Amino acid sequence: MPIPSSLVTLLVGMALVLSGLWVGYNVDLLPLDASANAPVYDSLFRVLFSIGTILFLGIVGLVVFSLVRFRRRPGDQTDGLAIEGNLLLEIVWTAIPAIVVLFVGIYSYDIYERMGGMSSLNDHSAMHRMPPMETMEASVSTAGPGVDPTAAPALKAPRVWGGIGTGADETNVLPVEVTAMQFAFIFHYPEGDITSGELHVPNGRPVELRMKANDVIHAFWVPQFRLKQDVIPGQPTVLTFTPTKAGSYPIICAELCGPYHGGMRSTVVVHEPEAYDAWLLKNSPVTATVASAPGTPTA
């Protein structure tokens, strides 16, 4: 007794969906996740990877099946069957992609909104606990004649990105001022008045990067944190994240910014809290001055 074609189609569809889900959730193509932001982005990637796998296997499988099943047999010189169309099939293969695209669009929009993408540039309610930045004040002071200084800060309001999943205690956020220039990132710590070519942060503590560009558009990208944000001249940007794994991770400029763009790299070092405190103390200007004073004993 032949198996009904509808049952075969159902079984093949179930096999495709299960195979796509298995590949999407078991084949890991992403680097190590080292921030509290990463799981949200990774879940979207797994969904897209699963959908892509299902489509790939389904389309390639159907093409291979058609090549074998409907190939021209030796000696067959007849024309193919004159098939007018199948309304139900056309509705199905139009409705399924439409539903998939709608689902992916809503899912992506939700994440984009939660990371701050839909907040207005002048929406001060979105700037959580953010005091005025020195870089903002500097840019406002150089805005030129004819600009109302009381209105200028609103024009230069920073855009907040990357706050997903931080669960941050707003009183414990570590502020770091980031300056992007051709061809380096410079990090300044207001808490200890430290300037460094590397970003040092404590594990488990929310970090708030207050970024500005001195010349052209740059991009701050840490693959392990799942964060990539353009740094635009004249528009300060706030990028927040919470590291979750100690280690050293690359910082890459992901925006073509000049002839030495490929060499514009740095490192973010995630310390355990005690090690970060030791680094902060060691690099503090006050500590350095005392240690270099004549007659000061050294360890």
C-alpha atoms as a PDB file:
ATOM      1  CA  MET A   1       0.000   0.000   0.000  1.00  0.00           C
ATOM      2  CA  PRO A   2       1.612   3.313  -1.045  1.00  0.00           C
ATOM      3  CA  ILE A   3       2.177   5.972   1.617  1.00  0.00           C
ATOM      4  CA  PRO A   4      -0.027   9.068   1.049  1.00  0.00           C
ATOM      5  CA  SER A   5       1.953  12.026  -0.296  1.00  0.00           C
ATOM      6  CA  SER A   6       0.496  14.299   2.400  1.00  0.00           C
ATOM      7  CA  LEU A   7       1.940  12.047   5.115  1.00  0.00           C
ATOM      8  CA  VAL A   8       5.322  11.992   3.392  1.00  0.00           C
ATOM      9  CA  THR A   9       5.282  15.795   3.169  1.00  0.00           C
ATOM     10  CA  LEU A  10       4.414  16.069   6.875  1.00  0.00           C
ATOM     11  CA  LEU A  11       7.204  13.682   7.903  1.00  0.00           C
ATOM     12  CA  VAL A  12       9.761  15.431   5.708  1.00  0.00           C
ATOM     13  CA  GLY A  13       8.697  18.824   7.099  1.00  0.00           C
ATOM     14  CA  MET A  14       9.057  17.584  10.683  1.00  0.00           C
ATOM     15  CA  ALA A  15      12.493  16.152   9.889  1.00  0.00           C
ATOM     16  CA  LEU A  16      13.597  19.464   8.386  1.00  0.00           C
ATOM     17  CA  VAL A  17      12.406  21.474  11.388  1.00  0.00           C
ATOM     18  CA  LEU A  18      14.045  19.109  13.907  1.00  0.00           C
ATOM     19  CA  SER A  19      17.288  19.047  11.910  1.00  0.00           C
ATOM     20  CA  GLY A  20      17.357  22.839  11.685  1.00  0.00           C
ATOM     21  CA  LEU A  21      16.721  23.247  15.410  1.00  0.00           C
ATOM     22  CA  TRP A  22      19.423  20.720  16.270  1.00  0.00           C
ATOM     23  CA  VAL A  23      21.975  22.463  14.058  1.00  0.00           C
ATOM     24  CA  GLY A  24      21.005  25.924  15.316  1.00  0.00           C
ATOM     25  CA  TYR A  25      21.320  25.002  18.982  1.00  0.00           C
ATOM     26  CA  ASN A  26      24.265  22.564  18.831  1.00  0.00           C
ATOM     27  CA  VAL A  27      26.617  23.951  16.177  1.00  0.00           C
ATOM     28  CA  ASP A  28      28.326  26.905  17.870  1.00  0.00           C
ATOM     29  CA  LEU A  29      29.854  29.378  15.399  1.00  0.00           C
ATOM     30  CA  LEU A  30      30.110  32.285  17.838  1.00  0.00           C
ATOM     31  CA  PRO A  31      33.133  33.250  19.948  1.00  0.00           C
ATOM     32  CA  LEU A  32      33.124  32.955  23.718  1.00  0.00           C
ATOM     33  CA  ASP A  33      30.315  34.919  25.367  1.00  0.00           C
ATOM     34  CA  ALA A  34      31.869  37.141  28.024  1.00  0.00           C
ATOM     35  CA  SER A  35      29.208  39.718  28.875  1.00  0.00           C
ATOM     36  CA  ALA A  36      25.682  39.818  30.251  1.00  0.00           C
ATOM     37  CA  ASN A  37      24.573  41.279  26.922  1.00  0.00           C
ATOM     38  CA  ALA A  38      25.663  38.232  24.920  1.00  0.00           C
ATOM     39  CA  PRO A  39      22.894  35.668  25.691  1.00  0.00           C
ATOM     40  CA  VAL A  40      20.163  37.877  24.209  1.00  0.00           C
ATOM     41  CA  TYR A  41      22.014  38.342  20.933  1.00  0.00           C
ATOM     42  CA  ASP A  42      23.063  34.675  20.874  1.00  0.00           C
ATOM     43  CA  SER A  43      19.459  33.525  21.187  1.00  0.00           C
ATOM     44  CA  LEU A  44      18.515  35.628  18.136  1.00  0.00           C
ATOM     45  CA  PHE A  45      21.483  34.203  16.224  1.00  0.00           C
ATOM     46  CA  ARG A  46      20.439  30.643  17.072  1.00  0.00           C
ATOM     47  CA  VAL A  47      16.902  31.305  15.849  1.00  0.00           C
ATOM     48  CA  LEU A  48      18.177  32.810  12.578  1.00  0.00           C
ATOM     49  CA  PHE A  49      20.705  29.986  12.159  1.00  0.00           C
ATOM     50  CA  SER A  50      17.963  27.395  12.693  1.00  0.00           C
ATOM     51  CA  ILE A  51      15.655  29.079  10.162  1.00  0.00           C
ATOM     52  CA  GLY A  52      18.504  29.370   7.648  1.00  0.00           C
ATOM     53  CA  THR A  53      19.392  25.698   8.086  1.00  0.00           C
ATOM     54  CA  ILE A  54      15.780  24.614   7.561  1.00  0.00           C
ATOM     55  CA  LEU A  55      15.518  26.695   4.382  1.00  0.00           C
ATOM     56  CA  PHE A  56      18.884  25.506   3.089  1.00  0.00           C
ATOM     57  CA  LEU A  57      18.162  21.813   3.664  1.00  0.00           C
ATOM     58  CA  GLY A  58      14.622  22.146   2.308  1.00  0.00           C
ATOM     59  CA  ILE A  59      15.558  24.014  -0.881  1.00  0.00           C
ATOM     60  CA  VAL A  60      18.679  21.973  -1.665  1.00  0.00           C
ATOM     61  CA  GLY A  61      16.864  18.732  -0.859  1.00  0.00           C
ATOM     62  CA  LEU A  62      13.956  19.649  -3.132  1.00  0.00           C
ATOM     63  CA  VAL A  63      16.320  20.591  -5.977  1.00  0.00           C
ATOM     64  CA  VAL A  64      18.283  17.333  -5.668  1.00  0.00           C
ATOM     65  CA  PHE A  65      15.065  15.292  -5.451  1.00  0.00           C
ATOM     66  CA  SER A  66      13.679  17.022  -8.557  1.00  0.00           C
ATOM     67  CA  LEU A  67      16.894  16.437 -10.507  1.00  0.00           C
ATOM     68  CA  VAL A  68      16.731  12.723  -9.755  1.00  0.00           C
ATOM     69  CA  ARG A  69      12.994  12.104  -9.814  1.00  0.00           C
ATOM     70  CA  PHE A  70      12.080  14.161 -12.867  1.00  0.00           C
ATOM     71  CA  ARG A  71      15.196  13.685 -15.002  1.00  0.00           C
ATOM     72  CA  ARG A  72      14.784  12.846 -18.679  1.00  0.00           C
ATOM     73  CA  ARG A  73      15.058   9.112 -19.216  1.00  0.00           C
ATOM     74  CA  PRO A  74      17.177   7.712 -22.077  1.00  0.00           C
ATOM     75  CA  GLY A  75      15.160   7.616 -25.298  1.00  0.00           C
ATOM     76  CA  ASP A  76      12.387   9.848 -23.923  1.00  0.00           C
ATOM     77  CA  GLN A  77      11.706  12.582 -26.512  1.00  0.00           C
ATOM     78  CA  THR A  78       8.250  13.631 -25.247  1.00  0.00           C
ATOM     79  CA  ASP A  79       7.330  16.970 -23.745  1.00  0.00           C
ATOM     80  CA  GLY A  80       6.739  17.413 -20.061  1.00  0.00           C
ATOM     81  CA  LEU A  81       3.284  17.530 -18.542  1.00  0.00           C
ATOM     82  CA  ALA A  82       1.406  20.817 -19.000  1.00  0.00           C
ATOM     83  CA  ILE A  83       0.795  21.764 -15.363  1.00  0.00           C
ATOM     84  CA  GLU A  84      -1.305  24.901 -14.966  1.00  0.00           C
ATOM     85  CA  GLY A  85      -0.656  25.568 -11.302  1.00  0.00           C
ATOM     86  CA  ASN A  86      -1.670  24.703  -7.775  1.00  0.00           C
ATOM     87  CA  LEU A  87      -3.444  27.460  -5.849  1.00  0.00           C
ATOM     88  CA  LEU A  88      -3.082  25.729  -2.470  1.00  0.00           C
ATOM     89  CA  LEU A  89       0.646  25.205  -2.985  1.00  0.00           C
ATOM     90  CA  GLU A  90       1.151  28.830  -3.995  1.00  0.00           C
ATOM     91  CA  ILE A  91      -0.727  30.038  -0.911  1.00  0.00           C
ATOM     92  CA  VAL A  92       1.349  27.791   1.359  1.00  0.00           C
ATOM     93  CA  TRP A  93       4.751  28.753  -0.044  1.00  0.00           C
ATOM     94  CA  THR A  94       3.784  32.424   0.156  1.00  0.00           C
ATOM     95  CA  ALA A  95       2.303  32.300   3.657  1.00  0.00           C
ATOM     96  CA  ILE A  96       5.165  30.384   5.315  1.00  0.00           C
ATOM     97  CA  PRO A  97       7.949  32.840   4.283  1.00  0.00           C
ATOM     98  CA  ALA A  98       5.676  35.771   5.187  1.00  0.00           C
ATOM     99  CA  ILE A  99       5.124  34.383   8.695  1.00  0.00           C
ATOM    100  CA  VAL A 100       8.847  33.660   9.125  1.00  0.00           C
ATOM    101  CA  VAL A 101       9.862  37.164   8.004  1.00  0.00           C
ATOM    102  CA  LEU A 102       7.222  38.758  10.267  1.00  0.00           C
ATOM    103  CA  PHE A 103       8.410  36.707  13.261  1.00  0.00           C
ATOM    104  CA  VAL A 104      12.077  37.542  12.658  1.00  0.00           C
ATOM    105  CA  GLY A 105      11.223  41.224  12.177  1.00  0.00           C
ATOM    106  CA  ILE A 106       9.267  41.466  15.443  1.00  0.00           C
ATOM    107  CA  TYR A 107      11.928  39.522  17.359  1.00  0.00           C
ATOM    108  CA  SER A 108      14.764  41.675  15.966  1.00  0.00           C
ATOM    109  CA  TYR A 109      12.834  44.891  16.592  1.00  0.00           C
ATOM    110  CA  ASP A 110      12.297  43.918  20.239  1.00  0.00           C
ATOM    111  CA  ILE A 111      16.030  43.416  20.779  1.00  0.00           C
ATOM    112  CA  TYR A 112      16.904  46.580  18.850  1.00  0.00           C
ATOM    113  CA  GLU A 113      14.495  48.596  21.002  1.00  0.00           C
ATOM    114  CA  ARG A 114      15.850  47.099  24.235  1.00  0.00           C
ATOM    115  CA  MET A 115      19.416  47.968  23.240  1.00  0.00           C
ATOM    116  CA  GLY A 116      18.398  51.622  22.797  1.00  0.00           C
ATOM    117  CA  GLY A 117      18.024  51.785  19.037  1.00  0.00           C
ATOM    118  CA  MET A 118      14.604  53.446  19.073  1.00  0.00           C
ATOM    119  CA  SER A 119      15.320  56.084  21.710  1.00  0.00           C
ATOM    120  CA  SER A 120      15.337  59.663  20.493  1.00  0.00           C
ATOM    121  CA  LEU A 121      18.688  61.432  20.439  1.00  0.00           C
ATOM    122  CA  ASN A 122      17.161  64.091  22.684  1.00  0.00           C
ATOM    123  CA  ASP A 123      15.284  61.720  25.005  1.00  0.00           C
ATOM    124  CA  HIS A 124      16.906  62.480  28.345  1.00  0.00           C
ATOM    125  CA  SER A 125      14.786  59.895  30.142  1.00  0.00           C
ATOM    126  CA  ALA A 126      16.717  57.230  28.254  1.00  0.00           C
ATOM    127  CA  MET A 127      20.035  58.473  29.610  1.00  0.00           C
ATOM    128  CA  HIS A 128      20.054  56.422  32.793  1.00  0.00           C
ATOM    129  CA  ARG A 129      21.916  58.179  35.646  1.00  0.00           C
ATOM    130  CA  MET A 130      24.169  59.882  33.107  1.00  0.00           C
ATOM    131  CA  PRO A 131      25.869  63.073  34.371  1.00  0.00           C
ATOM    132  CA  PRO A 132      27.091  65.681  31.882  1.00  0.00           C
ATOM    133  CA  MET A 133      30.226  64.472  30.124  1.00  0.00           C
ATOM    134  CA  GLU A 134      33.332  66.629  29.902  1.00  0.00           C
ATOM    135  CA  THR A 135      33.563  65.705  26.260  1.00  0.00           C
ATOM    136  CA  MET A 136      30.012  66.967  25.754  1.00  0.00           C
ATOM    137  CA  GLU A 137      30.845  70.235  27.440  1.00  0.00           C
ATOM    138  CA  ALA A 138      33.941  70.611  25.275  1.00  0.00           C
ATOM    139  CA  SER A 139      32.000  69.980  22.096  1.00  0.00           C
ATOM    140  CA  VAL A 140      29.317  72.448  23.166  1.00  0.00           C
ATOM    141  CA  SER A 141      31.889  75.134  23.980  1.00  0.00           C
ATOM    142  CA  THR A 142      33.326  74.808  20.479  1.00  0.00           C
ATOM    143  CA  ALA A 143      29.926  74.799  18.787  1.00  0.00           C
ATOM    144  CA  GLY A 144      30.616  78.270  17.444  1.00  0.00           C
ATOM    145  CA  PRO A 145      28.991  81.695  17.699  1.00  0.00           C
ATOM    146  CA  GLY A 146      25.275  82.024  17.576  1.00  0.00           C
ATOM    147  CA  VAL A 147      24.592  78.808  19.516  1.00  0.00           C
ATOM    148  CA  ASP A 148      22.624  79.137  22.727  1.00  0.00           C
ATOM    149  CA  PRO A 149      24.857  77.468  25.393  1.00  0.00           C
ATOM    150  CA  THR A 150      21.820  76.475  27.461  1.00  0.00           C
ATOM    151  CA  ALA A 151      20.307  74.662  24.499  1.00  0.00           C
ATOM    152  CA  ALA A 152      23.530  73.102  23.220  1.00  0.00           C
ATOM    153  CA  PRO A 153      23.650  70.162  25.676  1.00  0.00           C
ATOM    154  CA  ALA A 154      20.284  68.966  24.387  1.00  0.00           C
ATOM    155  CA  LEU A 155      21.651  69.080  20.856  1.00  0.00           C
ATOM    156  CA  LYS A 156      24.607  66.958  21.958  1.00  0.00           C
ATOM    157  CA  ALA A 157      22.672  64.459  24.070  1.00  0.00           C
ATOM    158  CA  PRO A 158      24.454  61.084  23.862  1.00  0.00           C
ATOM    159  CA  ARG A 159      22.806  57.968  22.508  1.00  0.00           C
ATOM    160  CA  VAL A 160      22.629  55.011  24.896  1.00  0.00           C
ATOM    161  CA  TRP A 161      23.314  51.548  23.523  1.00  0.00           C
ATOM    162  CA  GLY A 162      23.866  48.015  24.728  1.00  0.00           C
ATOM    163  CA  GLY A 163      22.061  48.000  28.068  1.00  0.00           C
ATOM    164  CA  ILE A 164      20.438  44.582  27.547  1.00  0.00           C
ATOM    165  CA  GLY A 165      20.691  42.122  30.365  1.00  0.00           C
ATOM    166  CA  THR A 166      22.893  44.228  32.621  1.00  0.00           C
ATOM    167  CA  GLY A 167      20.530  44.291  35.599  1.00  0.00           C
ATOM    168  CA  ALA A 168      22.832  47.032  36.748  1.00  0.00           C
ATOM    169  CA  ASP A 169      22.930  48.661  40.133  1.00  0.00           C
ATOM    170  CA  GLU A 170      23.096  52.223  38.840  1.00  0.00           C
ATOM    171  CA  THR A 171      25.152  53.345  41.849  1.00  0.00           C
ATOM    172  CA  ASN A 172      27.885  50.804  41.002  1.00  0.00           C
ATOM    173  CA  VAL A 173      28.448  51.602  37.326  1.00  0.00           C
ATOM    174  CA  LEU A 174      32.078  52.145  36.293  1.00  0.00           C
ATOM    175  CA  PRO A 175      32.345  55.178  33.959  1.00  0.00           C
ATOM    176  CA  VAL A 176      35.099  55.150  31.342  1.00  0.00           C
ATOM    177  CA  GLU A 177      35.664  57.894  28.780  1.00  0.00           C
ATOM    178  CA  VAL A 178      36.700  56.512  25.389  1.00  0.00           C
ATOM    179  CA  THR A 179      38.330  58.626  22.700  1.00  0.00           C
ATOM    180  CA  ALA A 180      38.650  57.150  19.214  1.00  0.00           C
ATOM    181  CA  MET A 181      41.202  58.684  16.878  1.00  0.00           C
ATOM    182  CA  GLN A 182      43.330  57.707  13.921  1.00  0.00           C
ATOM    183  CA  PHE A 183      44.444  55.088  14.814  1.00  0.00           C
ATOM    184  CA  ALA A 184      43.930  54.221  18.487  1.00  0.00           C
ATOM    185  CA  PHE A 185      41.447  53.994  21.337  1.00  0.00           C
ATOM    186  CA  ILE A 186      42.313  55.988  24.467  1.00  0.00           C
ATOM    187  CA  PHE A 187      40.588  55.130  27.763  1.00  0.00           C
ATOM    188  CA  HIS A 188      40.308  57.586  30.647  1.00  0.00           C
ATOM    189  CA  TYR A 189      39.050  56.612  34.121  1.00  0.00           C
ATOM    190  CA  PRO A 190      37.530  59.597  35.969  1.00  0.00           C
ATOM    191  CA  GLU A 191      37.511  57.634  39.251  1.00  0.00           C
ATOM    192  CA  GLY A 192      41.301  57.362  39.403  1.00  0.00           C
ATOM    193  CA  ASP A 193      42.317  59.948  36.804  1.00  0.00           C
ATOM    194  CA  ILE A 194      44.026  57.185  34.825  1.00  0.00           C
ATOM    195  CA  THR A 195      44.610  57.210  31.072  1.00  0.00           C
ATOM    196  CA  SER A 196      45.388  53.927  29.358  1.00  0.00           C
ATOM    197  CA  GLY A 197      45.723  52.386  25.904  1.00  0.00           C
ATOM    198  CA  GLU A 198      43.894  49.295  27.148  1.00  0.00           C
ATOM    199  CA  LEU A 199      40.452  48.962  28.702  1.00  0.00           C
ATOM    200  CA  HIS A 200      40.610  47.395  32.178  1.00  0.00           C
ATOM    201  CA  VAL A 201      37.308  46.504  33.864  1.00  0.00           C
ATOM    202  CA  PRO A 202      36.253  44.401  36.878  1.00  0.00           C
ATOM    203  CA  ASN A 203      34.330  41.193  36.331  1.00  0.00           C
ATOM    204  CA  GLY A 204      30.630  41.428  37.200  1.00  0.00           C
ATOM    205  CA  ARG A 205      30.511  45.227  37.479  1.00  0.00           C
ATOM    206  CA  PRO A 206      28.462  47.274  34.977  1.00  0.00           C
ATOM    207  CA  VAL A 207      30.603  49.473  32.750  1.00  0.00           C
ATOM    208  CA  GLU A 208      29.500  52.650  30.993  1.00  0.00           C
ATOM    209  CA  LEU A 209      31.663  53.728  28.046  1.00  0.00           C
ATOM    210  CA  ARG A 210      31.237  57.420  27.149  1.00  0.00           C
ATOM    211  CA  MET A 211      32.604  57.498  23.635  1.00  0.00           C
ATOM    212  CA  LYS A 212      33.600  60.282  21.263  1.00  0.00           C
ATOM    213  CA  ALA A 213      35.565  60.460  18.003  1.00  0.00           C
ATOM    214  CA  ASN A 214      38.174  63.135  17.361  1.00  0.00           C
ATOM    215  CA  ASP A 215      38.373  62.915  13.581  1.00  0.00           C
ATOM    216  CA  VAL A 216      36.386  60.409  11.492  1.00  0.00           C
ATOM    217  CA  ILE A 217      33.822  57.671  12.141  1.00  0.00           C
ATOM    218  CA  HIS A 218      35.243  54.716  14.053  1.00  0.00           C
ATOM    219  CA  ALA A 219      33.552  51.606  15.464  1.00  0.00           C
ATOM    220  CA  PHE A 220      34.092  49.993  18.852  1.00  0.00           C
ATOM    221  CA  TRP A 221      33.736  46.207  18.505  1.00  0.00           C
ATOM    222  CA  VAL A 222      34.352  43.459  21.056  1.00  0.00           C
ATOM    223  CA  PRO A 223      33.155  40.143  19.524  1.00  0.00           C
ATOM    224  CA  GLN A 224      33.108  38.337  22.883  1.00  0.00           C
ATOM    225  CA  PHE A 225      30.808  41.017  24.327  1.00  0.00           C
ATOM    226  CA  ARG A 226      28.524  41.021  21.225  1.00  0.00           C
ATOM    227  CA  LEU A 227      28.898  44.800  21.101  1.00  0.00           C
ATOM    228  CA  LYS A 228      29.686  46.880  18.030  1.00  0.00           C
ATOM    229  CA  GLN A 229      28.906  50.582  17.954  1.00  0.00           C
ATOM    230  CA  ASP A 230      29.919  53.399  15.635  1.00  0.00           C
ATOM    231  CA  VAL A 231      31.686  56.338  17.276  1.00  0.00           C
ATOM    232  CA  ILE A 232      30.700  59.458  15.337  1.00  0.00           C
ATOM    233  CA  PRO A 233      32.357  62.902  15.529  1.00  0.00           C
ATOM    234  CA  GLY A 234      30.073  65.444  17.173  1.00  0.00           C
ATOM    235  CA  GLN A 235      27.681  62.829  18.605  1.00  0.00           C
ATOM    236  CA  PRO A 236      28.780  61.362  21.975  1.00  0.00           C
ATOM    237  CA  THR A 237      27.585  57.799  22.483  1.00  0.00           C
ATOM    238  CA  VAL A 238      27.089  55.811  25.690  1.00  0.00           C
ATOM    239  CA  LEU A 239      27.678  52.066  25.478  1.00  0.00           C
ATOM    240  CA  THR A 240      26.933  49.881  28.523  1.00  0.00           C
ATOM    241  CA  PHE A 241      27.824  46.277  29.286  1.00  0.00           C
ATOM    242  CA  THR A 242      28.574  43.943  32.183  1.00  0.00           C
ATOM    243  CA  PRO A 243      31.528  41.529  31.776  1.00  0.00           C
ATOM    244  CA  THR A 244      30.945  37.994  33.058  1.00  0.00           C
ATOM    245  CA  LYS A 245      34.230  36.159  32.374  1.00  0.00           C
ATOM    246  CA  ALA A 246      37.739  37.220  33.342  1.00  0.00           C
ATOM    247  CA  GLY A 247      40.255  37.306  30.504  1.00  0.00           C
ATOM    248  CA  SER A 248      41.666  39.428  27.691  1.00  0.00           C
ATOM    249  CA  TYR A 249      39.552  40.134  24.606  1.00  0.00           C
ATOM    250  CA  PRO A 250      40.333  42.097  21.427  1.00  0.00           C
ATOM    251  CA  ILE A 251      38.905  45.543  20.714  1.00  0.00           C
ATOM    252  CA  ILE A 252      38.620  46.112  16.971  1.00  0.00           C
ATOM    253  CA  CYS A 253      37.734  49.177  14.945  1.00  0.00           C
ATOM    254  CA  ALA A 254      35.069  47.849  12.572  1.00  0.00           C
ATOM    255  CA  GLU A 255      34.659  51.020  10.494  1.00  0.00           C
ATOM    256  CA  LEU A 256      37.089  51.903   7.686  1.00  0.00           C
ATOM    257  CA  CYS A 257      38.789  54.978   9.141  1.00  0.00           C
ATOM    258  CA  GLY A 258      41.938  55.446   7.082  1.00  0.00           C
ATOM    259  CA  PRO A 259      45.045  53.715   5.714  1.00  0.00           C
ATOM    260  CA  TYR A 260      45.982  52.111   9.053  1.00  0.00           C
ATOM    261  CA  HIS A 261      42.446  51.035   9.953  1.00  0.00           C
ATOM    262  CA  GLY A 262      43.510  47.371  10.116  1.00  0.00           C
ATOM    263  CA  GLY A 263      45.982  48.159  12.877  1.00  0.00           C
ATOM    264  CA  MET A 264      43.522  50.065  15.060  1.00  0.00           C
ATOM    265  CA  ARG A 265      43.200  47.448  17.761  1.00  0.00           C
ATOM    266  CA  SER A 266      43.368  47.325  21.525  1.00  0.00           C
ATOM    267  CA  THR A 267      42.492  44.941  24.345  1.00  0.00           C
ATOM    268  CA  VAL A 268      39.875  44.830  27.072  1.00  0.00           C
ATOM    269  CA  VAL A 269      41.180  43.088  30.174  1.00  0.00           C
ATOM    270  CA  VAL A 270      38.504  41.765  32.521  1.00  0.00           C
ATOM    271  CA  HIS A 271      39.948  41.377  36.023  1.00  0.00           C
ATOM    272  CA  GLU A 272      38.508  39.756  39.075  1.00  0.00           C
ATOM    273  CA  PRO A 273      37.470  42.554  41.492  1.00  0.00           C
ATOM    274  CA  GLU A 274      40.570  42.229  43.701  1.00  0.00           C
ATOM    275  CA  ALA A 275      42.911  42.229  40.712  1.00  0.00           C
ATOM    276  CA  TYR A 276      41.141  45.281  39.260  1.00  0.00           C
ATOM    277  CA  ASP A 277      41.531  47.171  42.544  1.00  0.00           C
ATOM    278  CA  ALA A 278      45.232  46.304  42.504  1.00  0.00           C
ATOM    279  CA  TRP A 279      45.564  47.544  38.904  1.00  0.00           C
ATOM    280  CA  LEU A 280      43.714  50.739  39.784  1.00  0.00           C
ATOM    281  CA  LEU A 281      45.966  51.352  42.793  1.00  0.00           C
ATOM    282  CA  LYS A 282      49.139  50.575  40.846  1.00  0.00           C
ATOM    283  CA  ASN A 283      48.276  52.960  38.005  1.00  0.00           C
ATOM    284  CA  SER A 284      46.856  55.781  40.104  1.00  0.00           C
ATOM    285  CA  PRO A 285      48.813  59.036  39.552  1.00  0.00           C
ATOM    286  CA  VAL A 286      48.929  59.610  43.317  1.00  0.00           C
ATOM    287  CA  THR A 287      50.457  56.188  43.930  1.00  0.00           C
ATOM    288  CA  ALA A 288      52.951  56.711  41.118  1.00  0.00           C
ATOM    289  CA  THR A 289      54.031  60.083  42.573  1.00  0.00           C
ATOM    290  CA  VAL A 290      54.541  58.662  46.061  1.00  0.00           C
ATOM    291  CA  ALA A 291      56.432  55.650  44.732  1.00  0.00           C
ATOM    292  CA  SER A 292      58.807  57.864  42.719  1.00  0.00           C
ATOM    293  CA  ALA A 293      59.533  60.231  45.626  1.00  0.00           C
ATOM    294  CA  PRO A 294      63.174  60.163  46.913  1.00  0.00           C
ATOM    295  CA  GLY A 295      63.701  57.865  49.880  1.00  0.00           C
ATOM    296  CA  THR A 296      60.437  56.007  49.310  1.00  0.00           C
ATOM    297  CA  PRO A 297      60.956  52.298  50.088  1.00  0.00           C
ATOM    298  CA  THR A 298      59.991  49.922  47.276  1.00  0.00           C
ATOM    299  CA  ALA A 299      58.777  46.381  47.583  1.00  0.00           C
END
